[in-house]
Amino acid sequence: MKEIITIEDYFLNLSEIQFEKLDILRKAILSASDNISEKIAWGVPTFYYKSKYLAQIETVKGGIAFYTSPMTKNTFKDQLNAYKKTSKNSVHFSIDENIPADLIRKMINERILEVK
């Protein structure tokens, strides 16, 4: 397996459905602000606002994971009730369910306010 250095490298290793779901998540994050950058950190796509950590995404067994701050996750806990949560900062989406792009965008906007 090729070493993952860029976002494109990460996406090359995905199945078609994983690519589709992760791409929706990625685009929702990037659409929140023109000041969001992305790179591979800790082996997965990681997003920053003016060099401050916002979120990460990755494929996990059976789905897609989205990681952000515990404070952001807590702010949206009612809207996240339908989704699996495995830690204080993660939300998992089944490969069979739709990615809630609008909710992700709102969460990223909230996270941006936290890091400003």
Protein backbone atom coordinates (compact mmCIF):
# COMPACT_ATOMS: atom_id res chain seq x y z
CA MET A 1 0.00 0.00 0.00
CA LYS A 2 1.26 3.45 -0.93
CA GLU A 3 2.10 5.83 1.90
CA ILE A 4 -0.69 8.35 2.49
CA ILE A 5 0.78 11.81 2.14
CA THR A 6 -2.02 13.82 0.52
CA ILE A 7 -5.80 13.90 0.71
CA GLU A 8 -5.86 12.45 -2.81
CA ASP A 9 -3.69 9.53 -1.63
CA TYR A 10 -6.22 8.81 1.12
CA PHE A 11 -9.15 8.89 -1.30
CA LEU A 12 -7.38 6.51 -3.73
CA ASN A 13 -7.64 3.70 -1.17
CA LEU A 14 -11.43 3.93 -0.80
CA SER A 15 -14.21 1.89 -2.30
CA GLU A 16 -16.67 3.77 -4.50
CA ILE A 17 -19.27 4.12 -1.73
CA GLN A 18 -16.65 5.15 0.85
CA PHE A 19 -15.35 7.76 -1.58
CA GLU A 20 -18.86 9.08 -2.22
CA LYS A 21 -19.72 9.39 1.49
CA LEU A 22 -16.37 10.83 2.55
CA ASP A 23 -16.45 13.30 -0.34
CA ILE A 24 -19.86 14.60 0.79
CA LEU A 25 -18.46 15.06 4.29
CA ARG A 26 -15.31 16.74 2.99
CA LYS A 27 -17.24 19.16 0.78
CA ALA A 28 -19.59 20.06 3.65
CA ILE A 29 -16.60 20.92 5.84
CA LEU A 30 -14.81 22.93 3.17
CA SER A 31 -17.95 24.85 2.25
CA ALA A 32 -18.21 26.35 5.75
CA SER A 33 -15.44 28.89 5.11
CA ASP A 34 -12.89 29.97 2.51
CA ASN A 35 -10.27 29.88 5.29
CA ILE A 36 -10.38 26.11 5.79
CA SER A 37 -7.35 24.11 4.73
CA GLU A 38 -6.83 20.37 4.72
CA LYS A 39 -3.95 17.96 5.00
CA ILE A 40 -3.20 14.46 6.18
CA ALA A 41 -2.48 14.40 9.92
CA TRP A 42 -2.48 11.28 12.09
CA GLY A 43 -2.99 9.36 8.83
CA VAL A 44 -6.40 10.83 7.98
CA PRO A 45 -7.87 13.96 6.32
CA THR A 46 -7.68 16.78 8.83
CA PHE A 47 -9.16 20.26 8.51
CA TYR A 48 -7.93 23.55 9.91
CA TYR A 49 -9.23 27.09 10.16
CA LYS A 50 -6.32 29.52 9.91
CA SER A 51 -4.01 26.72 11.14
CA LYS A 52 -6.28 25.79 14.09
CA TYR A 53 -7.68 22.26 14.24
CA LEU A 54 -11.33 21.90 13.25
CA ALA A 55 -12.10 18.29 12.42
CA GLN A 56 -11.02 14.98 10.95
CA ILE A 57 -12.75 12.39 8.80
CA GLU A 58 -11.96 8.78 8.04
CA THR A 59 -13.39 5.48 6.98
CA VAL A 60 -14.13 3.02 9.75
CA LYS A 61 -15.56 -0.48 9.74
CA GLY A 62 -19.05 -0.19 8.31
CA GLY A 63 -19.02 3.56 7.75
CA ILE A 64 -17.51 6.99 8.05
CA ALA A 65 -16.27 8.81 11.14
CA PHE A 66 -16.29 12.55 11.82
CA TYR A 67 -14.21 13.94 14.68
CA THR A 68 -14.44 17.44 16.10
CA SER A 69 -14.23 19.01 19.54
CA PRO A 70 -16.27 17.63 22.45
CA MET A 71 -17.75 21.11 22.92
CA THR A 72 -19.02 21.25 19.33
CA LYS A 73 -20.37 17.72 19.56
CA ASN A 74 -22.17 18.59 22.80
CA THR A 75 -23.71 21.72 21.25
CA PHE A 76 -25.36 19.54 18.60
CA LYS A 77 -26.11 16.51 20.79
CA ASP A 78 -29.86 16.62 20.10
CA GLN A 79 -29.34 16.62 16.32
CA LEU A 80 -26.79 13.81 16.65
CA ASN A 81 -29.03 11.42 18.61
CA ALA A 82 -29.70 9.28 15.54
CA TYR A 83 -26.00 8.61 14.96
CA LYS A 84 -23.50 6.37 16.70
CA LYS A 85 -21.01 8.10 18.98
CA THR A 86 -17.96 6.19 20.15
CA SER A 87 -15.98 8.84 22.01
CA LYS A 88 -16.31 12.34 23.36
CA ASN A 89 -15.48 13.84 19.96
CA SER A 90 -16.64 11.37 17.30
CA VAL A 91 -19.76 10.69 15.30
CA HIS A 92 -20.08 7.66 13.04
CA PHE A 93 -22.29 7.43 10.00
CA SER A 94 -23.27 4.04 8.64
CA ILE A 95 -22.26 3.47 5.04
CA ASP A 96 -26.00 2.95 4.34
CA GLU A 97 -27.21 6.30 5.68
CA ASN A 98 -27.09 9.75 4.19
CA ILE A 99 -24.40 12.13 5.40
CA PRO A 100 -26.14 15.15 7.03
CA ALA A 101 -24.13 17.76 5.14
CA ASP A 102 -26.09 20.75 6.48
CA LEU A 103 -25.57 19.59 10.07
CA ILE A 104 -21.85 19.05 9.46
CA ARG A 105 -21.55 22.56 7.99
CA LYS A 106 -23.30 24.00 11.07
CA MET A 107 -20.99 22.04 13.35
CA ILE A 108 -17.93 23.33 11.50
CA ASN A 109 -19.23 26.90 11.73
CA GLU A 110 -19.65 26.39 15.49
CA ARG A 111 -16.15 24.94 15.73
CA ILE A 112 -14.75 27.97 13.87
CA LEU A 113 -16.31 30.21 16.53
CA GLU A 114 -14.60 28.09 19.20
CA VAL A 115 -11.14 28.47 17.68
CA LYS A 116 -11.31 32.16 16.80
